[in-house]
Amino acid sequence: MPKDLRPTPASIRGGGAIVAYQKGEHIQDIMWRMRIQSQTTLEHYLQEMAADSIMTRLPEVSKHRIRSAALLFPLLIEHPGS
C-alpha cells in the first residue's frame, strides 16, 4: 500500500464510528465504546466519513469540479471579503 494511502489512527477510528452508526447502534453506545467524551467529536467523525463515502460514488467530472473548487479555499481564507 502506498504511504500516502495508508490509514491513520484517526481514519480507522472514524471508520469504526461510521460502521457502528450504519449498523444502527445508539450514539451513546458508540461514544462509550470509543471512549469519546464529546458528542461533537463523534459528529465530526460521522460528517467526515459521510462526505468521503459520497465522493467515491461521484462521477469523475463531479470529483474534478470539487477538487478544483477546493484549490480556491486557501485563497479565500487568506483574503476574506476580496
N, C-alpha and C. Protein backbone atom coordinates (compact mmCIF):
# COMPACT_ATOMS: atom_id res chain seq x y z
N MET A 1 0.86 -1.17 0.00
CA MET A 1 0.00 0.00 0.00
C MET A 1 0.90 1.23 0.00
N PRO A 2 0.64 2.19 -0.90
CA PRO A 2 1.46 3.40 -0.92
C PRO A 2 1.36 4.16 0.40
N LYS A 3 2.47 4.80 0.80
CA LYS A 3 2.49 5.51 2.09
C LYS A 3 1.39 6.55 2.19
N ASP A 4 1.10 7.26 1.10
CA ASP A 4 0.11 8.33 1.16
C ASP A 4 -1.32 7.79 1.27
N LEU A 5 -1.51 6.49 1.10
CA LEU A 5 -2.86 5.91 1.21
C LEU A 5 -3.04 5.05 2.46
N ARG A 6 -2.01 4.97 3.27
CA ARG A 6 -2.13 4.17 4.49
C ARG A 6 -3.10 4.83 5.47
N PRO A 7 -3.93 4.02 6.08
CA PRO A 7 -4.87 4.62 7.05
C PRO A 7 -4.13 5.12 8.30
N THR A 8 -4.62 6.20 8.82
CA THR A 8 -4.09 6.75 10.07
C THR A 8 -4.99 6.28 11.21
N PRO A 9 -4.54 6.41 12.45
CA PRO A 9 -5.43 6.05 13.56
C PRO A 9 -6.76 6.82 13.51
N ALA A 10 -6.71 8.07 13.09
CA ALA A 10 -7.94 8.87 13.01
C ALA A 10 -8.89 8.31 11.96
N SER A 11 -8.36 7.87 10.82
CA SER A 11 -9.26 7.35 9.78
C SER A 11 -9.86 6.01 10.20
N ILE A 12 -9.08 5.20 10.91
CA ILE A 12 -9.61 3.93 11.39
C ILE A 12 -10.68 4.18 12.44
N ARG A 13 -10.42 5.13 13.32
CA ARG A 13 -11.38 5.47 14.38
C ARG A 13 -12.68 6.00 13.76
N GLY A 14 -12.54 6.91 12.81
CA GLY A 14 -13.73 7.45 12.13
C GLY A 14 -14.49 6.37 11.38
N GLY A 15 -13.74 5.47 10.73
CA GLY A 15 -14.38 4.38 10.01
C GLY A 15 -15.16 3.47 10.93
N GLY A 16 -14.60 3.20 12.10
CA GLY A 16 -15.31 2.38 13.09
C GLY A 16 -16.59 3.04 13.56
N ALA A 17 -16.53 4.35 13.74
CA ALA A 17 -17.73 5.09 14.16
C ALA A 17 -18.81 5.01 13.09
N ILE A 18 -18.41 5.14 11.83
CA ILE A 18 -19.38 5.08 10.73
C ILE A 18 -20.03 3.70 10.65
N VAL A 19 -19.22 2.65 10.73
CA VAL A 19 -19.76 1.29 10.65
C VAL A 19 -20.77 1.05 11.77
N ALA A 20 -20.41 1.44 12.98
CA ALA A 20 -21.32 1.26 14.11
C ALA A 20 -22.62 2.04 13.90
N TYR A 21 -22.49 3.27 13.43
CA TYR A 21 -23.66 4.12 13.19
C TYR A 21 -24.55 3.53 12.10
N GLN A 22 -23.93 3.04 11.02
CA GLN A 22 -24.70 2.44 9.93
C GLN A 22 -25.41 1.17 10.35
N LYS A 23 -24.85 0.47 11.34
CA LYS A 23 -25.49 -0.74 11.86
C LYS A 23 -26.65 -0.41 12.79
N GLY A 24 -26.84 0.87 13.08
CA GLY A 24 -27.96 1.28 13.92
C GLY A 24 -27.65 1.37 15.40
N GLU A 25 -26.38 1.35 15.75
CA GLU A 25 -26.02 1.44 17.16
C GLU A 25 -26.34 2.84 17.69
N HIS A 26 -26.71 2.91 18.93
CA HIS A 26 -27.04 4.18 19.56
C HIS A 26 -25.78 5.03 19.74
N ILE A 27 -25.95 6.32 19.58
CA ILE A 27 -24.83 7.27 19.68
C ILE A 27 -24.10 7.11 21.02
N GLN A 28 -24.84 7.01 22.11
CA GLN A 28 -24.21 6.88 23.42
C GLN A 28 -23.38 5.60 23.54
N ASP A 29 -23.84 4.52 22.90
CA ASP A 29 -23.08 3.26 22.93
C ASP A 29 -21.78 3.40 22.14
N ILE A 30 -21.85 4.07 21.00
CA ILE A 30 -20.65 4.29 20.19
C ILE A 30 -19.66 5.15 20.98
N MET A 31 -20.15 6.19 21.59
CA MET A 31 -19.28 7.08 22.37
C MET A 31 -18.62 6.33 23.51
N TRP A 32 -19.37 5.48 24.21
CA TRP A 32 -18.82 4.74 25.34
C TRP A 32 -17.73 3.78 24.87
N ARG A 33 -18.02 3.04 23.80
CA ARG A 33 -17.05 2.06 23.31
C ARG A 33 -15.79 2.72 22.79
N MET A 34 -15.92 3.89 22.14
CA MET A 34 -14.76 4.58 21.58
C MET A 34 -14.11 5.52 22.59
N ARG A 35 -14.66 5.61 23.77
CA ARG A 35 -14.14 6.49 24.83
C ARG A 35 -14.14 7.95 24.39
N ILE A 36 -15.22 8.34 23.71
CA ILE A 36 -15.37 9.73 23.26
C ILE A 36 -16.19 10.47 24.30
N GLN A 37 -15.68 11.59 24.78
CA GLN A 37 -16.38 12.34 25.82
C GLN A 37 -17.36 13.36 25.25
N SER A 38 -17.11 13.82 24.05
CA SER A 38 -17.94 14.87 23.47
C SER A 38 -18.71 14.34 22.26
N GLN A 39 -20.00 14.58 22.24
CA GLN A 39 -20.81 14.18 21.09
C GLN A 39 -20.37 14.95 19.85
N THR A 40 -19.86 16.14 20.03
CA THR A 40 -19.38 16.94 18.90
C THR A 40 -18.24 16.22 18.18
N THR A 41 -17.36 15.58 18.93
CA THR A 41 -16.26 14.82 18.33
C THR A 41 -16.80 13.71 17.44
N LEU A 42 -17.77 12.97 17.93
CA LEU A 42 -18.37 11.90 17.15
C LEU A 42 -19.06 12.46 15.91
N GLU A 43 -19.73 13.59 16.05
CA GLU A 43 -20.38 14.21 14.90
C GLU A 43 -19.37 14.53 13.80
N HIS A 44 -18.18 15.00 14.20
CA HIS A 44 -17.14 15.30 13.21
C HIS A 44 -16.72 14.04 12.48
N TYR A 45 -16.53 12.94 13.21
CA TYR A 45 -16.17 11.67 12.57
C TYR A 45 -17.23 11.28 11.54
N LEU A 46 -18.48 11.34 11.96
CA LEU A 46 -19.57 10.91 11.08
C LEU A 46 -19.69 11.80 9.85
N GLN A 47 -19.54 13.10 10.02
CA GLN A 47 -19.64 14.02 8.89
C GLN A 47 -18.50 13.82 7.91
N GLU A 48 -17.28 13.66 8.42
CA GLU A 48 -16.13 13.45 7.55
C GLU A 48 -16.28 12.18 6.74
N MET A 49 -16.62 11.11 7.38
CA MET A 49 -16.72 9.84 6.70
C MET A 49 -17.90 9.81 5.73
N ALA A 50 -18.98 10.46 6.07
CA ALA A 50 -20.12 10.51 5.16
C ALA A 50 -19.74 11.26 3.89
N ALA A 51 -19.05 12.36 4.04
CA ALA A 51 -18.60 13.13 2.87
C ALA A 51 -17.63 12.31 2.03
N ASP A 52 -16.72 11.61 2.69
CA ASP A 52 -15.73 10.80 1.97
C ASP A 52 -16.39 9.67 1.21
N SER A 53 -17.39 9.02 1.81
CA SER A 53 -18.04 7.91 1.12
C SER A 53 -18.87 8.39 -0.07
N ILE A 54 -19.39 9.59 0.01
CA ILE A 54 -20.13 10.17 -1.12
C ILE A 54 -19.18 10.45 -2.27
N MET A 55 -17.99 10.95 -1.96
CA MET A 55 -17.01 11.29 -3.00
C MET A 55 -16.66 10.08 -3.87
N THR A 56 -16.57 8.92 -3.29
CA THR A 56 -16.17 7.73 -4.07
C THR A 56 -17.22 7.33 -5.09
N ARG A 57 -18.46 7.75 -4.89
CA ARG A 57 -19.54 7.36 -5.80
C ARG A 57 -19.86 8.41 -6.86
N LEU A 58 -19.22 9.56 -6.78
CA LEU A 58 -19.49 10.63 -7.74
C LEU A 58 -18.85 10.33 -9.09
N PRO A 59 -19.47 10.86 -10.16
CA PRO A 59 -18.83 10.74 -11.47
C PRO A 59 -17.51 11.54 -11.48
N GLU A 60 -16.58 11.15 -12.33
CA GLU A 60 -15.27 11.80 -12.38
C GLU A 60 -15.38 13.31 -12.60
N VAL A 61 -16.31 13.75 -13.43
CA VAL A 61 -16.45 15.18 -13.70
C VAL A 61 -16.81 15.94 -12.43
N SER A 62 -17.65 15.34 -11.60
CA SER A 62 -18.04 15.98 -10.33
C SER A 62 -16.86 16.03 -9.37
N LYS A 63 -16.10 14.93 -9.30
CA LYS A 63 -14.91 14.91 -8.44
C LYS A 63 -13.92 15.98 -8.86
N HIS A 64 -13.74 16.11 -10.18
CA HIS A 64 -12.81 17.12 -10.70
C HIS A 64 -13.27 18.53 -10.32
N ARG A 65 -14.55 18.81 -10.43
CA ARG A 65 -15.07 20.13 -10.08
C ARG A 65 -14.88 20.43 -8.59
N ILE A 66 -15.12 19.43 -7.75
CA ILE A 66 -14.95 19.62 -6.30
C ILE A 66 -13.49 19.87 -5.97
N ARG A 67 -12.60 19.08 -6.57
CA ARG A 67 -11.16 19.28 -6.32
C ARG A 67 -10.70 20.65 -6.80
N SER A 68 -11.22 21.08 -7.95
CA SER A 68 -10.85 22.40 -8.46
C SER A 68 -11.32 23.51 -7.53
N ALA A 69 -12.55 23.39 -7.05
CA ALA A 69 -13.08 24.39 -6.13
C ALA A 69 -12.30 24.37 -4.82
N ALA A 70 -11.87 23.20 -4.38
CA ALA A 70 -11.12 23.08 -3.13
C ALA A 70 -9.78 23.81 -3.22
N LEU A 71 -9.22 23.88 -4.41
CA LEU A 71 -7.95 24.60 -4.58
C LEU A 71 -8.10 26.09 -4.29
N LEU A 72 -9.31 26.62 -4.45
CA LEU A 72 -9.56 28.04 -4.18
C LEU A 72 -9.71 28.34 -2.69
N PHE A 73 -10.02 27.32 -1.90
CA PHE A 73 -10.30 27.53 -0.48
C PHE A 73 -9.19 28.28 0.26
N PRO A 74 -7.92 27.87 0.11
CA PRO A 74 -6.86 28.60 0.83
C PRO A 74 -6.80 30.09 0.44
N LEU A 75 -7.06 30.39 -0.80
CA LEU A 75 -7.06 31.79 -1.25
C LEU A 75 -8.20 32.58 -0.61
N LEU A 76 -9.35 31.94 -0.50
CA LEU A 76 -10.49 32.62 0.13
C LEU A 76 -10.26 32.88 1.60
N ILE A 77 -9.62 31.95 2.28
CA ILE A 77 -9.32 32.11 3.70
C ILE A 77 -8.27 33.21 3.90
N GLU A 78 -7.29 33.23 3.00
CA GLU A 78 -6.21 34.21 3.10
C GLU A 78 -6.69 35.62 2.83
N HIS A 79 -7.66 35.77 1.93
CA HIS A 79 -8.16 37.08 1.53
C HIS A 79 -9.67 37.17 1.68
N PRO A 80 -10.20 37.12 2.91
CA PRO A 80 -11.67 37.16 3.06
C PRO A 80 -12.23 38.51 2.60
N GLY A 81 -13.37 38.43 1.97
CA GLY A 81 -14.06 39.64 1.52
C GLY A 81 -13.47 40.29 0.29
N SER A 82 -12.49 39.66 -0.32
CA SER A 82 -11.88 40.23 -1.53
C SER A 82 -12.68 39.88 -2.75
